[in-house]
Protein backbone atom coordinates (compact mmCIF):
# COMPACT_ATOMS: atom_id res chain seq x y z
CA MET A 1 -10.21 -3.36 7.08
CA THR A 2 -6.37 -4.13 6.54
CA ALA A 3 -2.98 -2.82 7.65
CA ILE A 4 -0.49 -1.22 5.06
CA LEU A 5 2.40 1.04 5.68
CA ALA A 6 4.84 3.32 3.30
CA PHE A 7 8.17 5.15 3.44
CA ALA A 8 10.06 7.20 1.34
CA ALA A 9 13.14 8.84 0.96
CA SER A 10 15.41 10.15 -1.56
CA GLY A 11 16.22 7.38 -3.89
CA ILE A 12 14.05 4.59 -1.93
CA ALA A 13 10.35 4.02 -1.82
CA PHE A 14 8.78 1.15 0.28
CA VAL A 15 5.24 -0.19 1.15
CA ALA A 16 4.16 -3.13 2.80
CA GLY A 17 0.70 -4.75 3.41
CA ASP A 18 -1.05 -7.77 5.17
CA THR A 19 -2.76 -9.97 2.79
CA LYS A 20 -6.01 -10.71 4.35
CA ARG A 21 -9.27 -10.25 2.40
CA ALA A 22 -12.67 -11.04 3.66
CA THR A 23 -14.03 -12.22 0.45
CA ALA A 24 -10.86 -14.05 -0.77
CA MET A 25 -9.84 -17.89 0.41
CA HIS A 26 -6.13 -16.93 -0.44
CA PRO A 27 -3.98 -14.33 0.40
CA ALA A 28 -4.51 -11.04 -1.59
CA THR A 29 -1.87 -8.77 -2.98
CA LYS A 30 -1.91 -5.40 -1.85
CA VAL A 31 1.13 -3.85 -2.65
CA HIS A 32 2.24 -2.56 -6.21
CA ARG A 33 4.75 -1.37 -8.46
CA TRP A 34 3.67 1.71 -10.52
CA SER A 35 7.25 2.05 -11.95
CA THR A 36 10.97 1.81 -10.70
CA SER A 37 10.63 5.08 -8.48
CA VAL A 38 6.73 4.56 -7.45
CA VAL A 39 5.20 1.93 -5.16
CA PHE A 40 1.95 2.08 -3.94
CA ALA A 41 -0.41 -0.21 -1.10
CA GLN A 42 -4.35 -0.39 -1.00
CA ALA A 43 -6.63 -0.58 2.07
CA GLY A 44 -10.39 -0.58 2.17
CA ASN A 45 -12.89 -1.72 -0.57
CA GLY A 46 -11.63 -4.85 -1.90
CA GLN A 47 -13.39 -5.40 -5.28
CA GLN A 48 -13.66 -2.07 -6.95
CA LEU A 49 -10.52 -0.57 -5.48
CA SER A 50 -8.63 -3.54 -7.09
CA ALA A 51 -10.30 -2.79 -10.38
CA LEU A 52 -9.70 0.55 -10.33
CA ILE A 53 -5.80 -0.17 -9.78
CA GLY A 54 -5.93 -2.58 -12.53
CA GLN A 55 -7.29 0.14 -15.15
CA MET A 56 -4.90 2.70 -13.52
CA MET A 57 -2.03 0.19 -14.56
CA VAL A 58 -3.62 0.11 -18.36
CA CYS A 59 -3.25 3.77 -18.34
CA ARG A 60 0.26 4.35 -17.10
CA PRO A 61 1.96 4.14 -20.71
CA ILE A 62 -0.24 6.94 -21.51
CA LEU A 63 -0.44 8.96 -18.52
CA GLY A 64 3.17 8.37 -17.26
CA GLU A 65 5.16 6.38 -14.97
CA ASP A 66 6.11 9.21 -12.57
CA LEU A 67 4.07 10.27 -9.47
CA ASN A 68 2.04 12.74 -11.81
CA GLY A 69 0.90 10.04 -13.71
CA LEU A 70 -0.28 7.60 -10.97
CA LYS A 71 -2.14 10.89 -9.49
CA ALA A 72 -3.63 11.58 -13.05
CA ALA A 73 -4.88 8.03 -13.47
CA PHE A 74 -6.49 7.97 -10.05
CA THR A 75 -8.18 11.43 -10.64
CA GLN A 76 -9.68 10.49 -14.07
CA LEU A 77 -11.12 7.07 -12.97
CA SER A 78 -11.62 6.96 -9.19
CA LYS A 79 -15.25 8.04 -9.30
CA ILE A 80 -16.33 5.43 -11.76
CA PHE A 81 -15.13 2.65 -9.36
CA HIS A 82 -16.33 4.23 -6.52
CA ASP A 83 -19.75 4.90 -7.79
CA GLN A 84 -19.80 1.19 -8.62
CA ALA A 85 -18.81 0.33 -5.04
CA LEU A 86 -22.01 2.59 -3.99
CA ALA A 87 -23.93 0.58 -6.26
CA ALA A 88 -22.77 -2.54 -4.95
CA GLN A 89 -23.61 -1.34 -1.49
CA ALA A 90 -27.12 -0.24 -2.33
CA GLN A 91 -27.93 -3.69 -4.08
CA SER A 92 -26.54 -5.92 -1.35
CA ARG A 93 -28.57 -7.70 1.08
CA THR A 94 -26.16 -6.83 3.70
CA PRO A 95 -25.19 -3.45 2.84
CA HIS A 96 -23.28 -2.61 6.20
CA LEU A 97 -20.78 -5.02 5.35
CA VAL A 98 -20.01 -3.44 1.95
CA ASP A 99 -17.05 -1.14 2.21
CA THR A 100 -17.08 1.77 -0.05
CA ASP A 101 -13.88 3.40 1.72
CA GLY A 102 -10.44 2.91 0.51
CA THR A 103 -7.02 4.45 0.74
CA ILE A 104 -3.95 4.20 -1.54
CA LEU A 105 -0.81 4.96 0.08
CA VAL A 106 2.01 5.90 -2.56
CA ALA A 107 5.69 6.26 -1.92
CA ASP A 108 7.73 8.03 -4.54
CA ALA A 109 11.90 7.65 -4.57
CA ASP A 110 12.20 10.66 -6.81
CA SER A 111 10.56 13.25 -4.58
CA GLY A 112 10.83 11.07 -1.02
CA ASP A 113 7.04 12.06 -0.60
CA ILE A 114 4.15 9.99 0.74
CA ILE A 115 0.84 10.45 -1.25
CA THR A 116 -2.47 9.16 -0.11
CA LEU A 117 -5.27 9.01 -2.34
CA ASP A 118 -8.88 8.48 -0.88
CA PHE A 119 -11.16 6.29 -2.62
CA ALA A 120 -14.31 7.89 -1.34
CA THR A 121 -13.56 11.35 -2.00
CA GLY A 122 -11.08 11.43 -4.86
CA ASN A 123 -8.82 13.43 -2.91
CA CYS A 124 -4.83 13.41 -3.17
CA SER A 125 -2.92 14.56 -0.07
CA SER A 126 0.73 14.83 1.11
CA PRO A 127 1.11 14.63 4.55
CA ASN A 128 4.23 15.59 6.06
CA VAL A 129 4.92 12.46 8.27
CA LEU A 130 8.00 10.03 8.68
CA PHE A 131 5.83 7.31 7.39
CA GLY A 132 2.41 6.52 6.03
CA ALA A 133 -0.19 4.10 7.65
CA GLY A 134 -3.37 2.84 6.60
CA GLY A 135 -6.18 0.59 7.80
CA VAL A 136 -6.63 -0.44 11.19
CA PRO A 137 -6.38 2.42 13.79
CA GLN A 138 -3.91 0.74 15.87
CA LEU A 139 -1.02 0.36 12.94
CA VAL A 140 0.10 4.09 13.71
CA THR A 141 0.92 3.37 17.25
CA GLU A 142 2.39 0.03 16.51
CA ALA A 143 4.70 1.53 13.70
CA SER A 144 5.47 4.65 15.84
CA VAL A 145 6.78 2.35 18.96
CA ARG A 146 8.77 0.30 16.56
CA TRP A 147 10.29 3.01 14.44
CA SER A 148 13.12 4.34 16.51
CA ALA A 149 14.43 0.85 17.12
CA GLN A 150 14.03 -0.79 13.70
CA SER A 151 13.70 2.01 10.96
CA GLN A 152 17.07 1.00 9.54
CA SER A 153 15.60 -2.37 8.68
CA LEU A 154 12.32 -1.34 6.87
CA ASP A 155 11.02 -5.17 6.45
CA LEU A 156 11.44 -5.87 10.07
CA TRP A 157 9.93 -2.83 11.00
CA ALA A 158 6.80 -3.16 8.90
CA THR A 159 6.55 -6.96 10.04
CA ASP A 160 6.73 -6.38 13.51
CA ALA A 161 4.17 -3.27 13.18
CA ILE A 162 1.61 -5.28 10.85
CA SER A 163 1.89 -8.72 12.71
CA ALA A 164 1.00 -6.79 15.95
CA CYS A 165 -2.38 -5.72 14.31
CA VAL A 166 -3.06 -9.39 13.40
CA GLY A 167 -7.04 -10.42 14.30
CA ALA A 168 -10.11 -10.35 12.41
CA THR A 169 -9.47 -8.45 9.60
CA VAL A 170 -5.41 -8.63 9.28
CA ASP A 171 -3.51 -11.65 8.86
CA TRP A 172 -0.24 -13.19 7.51
CA PRO A 173 1.46 -13.26 5.03
CA ILE A 174 2.85 -9.85 5.07
CA ASP A 175 4.04 -8.64 1.62
CA LEU A 176 6.63 -5.87 1.16
CA LEU A 177 7.93 -4.22 -1.87
CA ILE A 178 10.87 -1.69 -2.44
CA VAL A 179 12.62 0.16 -5.11
CA ARG A 180 15.80 1.58 -5.11
CA PRO A 181 18.98 2.39 -6.98
CA ASN A 182 21.34 -0.82 -7.55
CA ASP A 183 24.91 -0.94 -7.57
CA LEU A 184 25.13 -0.44 -11.27
CA GLY A 185 23.34 2.85 -11.35
CA GLY A 186 20.02 1.47 -12.23
CA ALA A 187 17.01 0.37 -10.49
CA LEU A 188 16.32 -2.50 -8.31
CA THR A 189 12.65 -3.68 -7.18
CA VAL A 190 12.81 -6.31 -4.37
CA GLN A 191 9.48 -8.20 -3.43
CA ARG A 192 9.11 -10.38 -0.40
CA ARG A 193 6.26 -12.27 1.31
CA HIS A 194 6.87 -12.76 5.03
CA ILE A 195 5.37 -15.97 6.49
CA ARG A 196 4.50 -16.36 10.17
CA GLY A 197 7.53 -17.61 11.95
CA LEU A 198 9.82 -17.78 8.96
CA VAL A 199 10.88 -13.92 8.87
CA GLY A 200 14.72 -14.08 9.56
CA SER A 201 16.97 -11.36 10.60
CA GLY A 202 16.30 -9.09 7.74
CA ASP A 203 16.99 -8.48 4.25
CA PRO A 204 20.04 -5.95 3.46
CA ASN A 205 17.98 -4.88 0.32
CA PHE A 206 15.39 -3.37 3.03
CA TYR A 207 18.00 -1.11 4.77
CA LYS A 208 17.02 2.44 4.83
């Protein structure tokens, strides 16, 4: 389990996530950039879902760098890697510890939409929500409580909400990723890793 958040509005796409992974000694990267308008975060199954994302990236030049391209890559490849997750579970001596579920939260700056991709079912959905949340159940409550007070500073909002869920399956550092227009009419990508005790007062690049 993990903790990931997503926000999207016209011109802005933002995702955040913790970096704990049970099978890794070092912080894991769970936030990714698909293009200058699309970013996403992953939760759940670590090994096969990460392999799926790597293969999706390979297909990006062929299928397209917009949201439709990402969805097409997921749709074409997800069953292959989920079948591998099921096989790993069946072969494990501790199958109850092998997670075959997973979620990819996608934020799209062009449409302002948040998309949920379900690793287990292959379904793509577009919930009509202020923000997307995945992983530990309490994250929705923690993010909602902080939304009205900190929604203008997406980095502080996400860091506070995710850090409130720190425990056995969620931990620091917390990764943040945003794509938005720059002052020259192009695209700006900013990625930060917040360390416990060194968060600061908020980065203007993450202001909504």
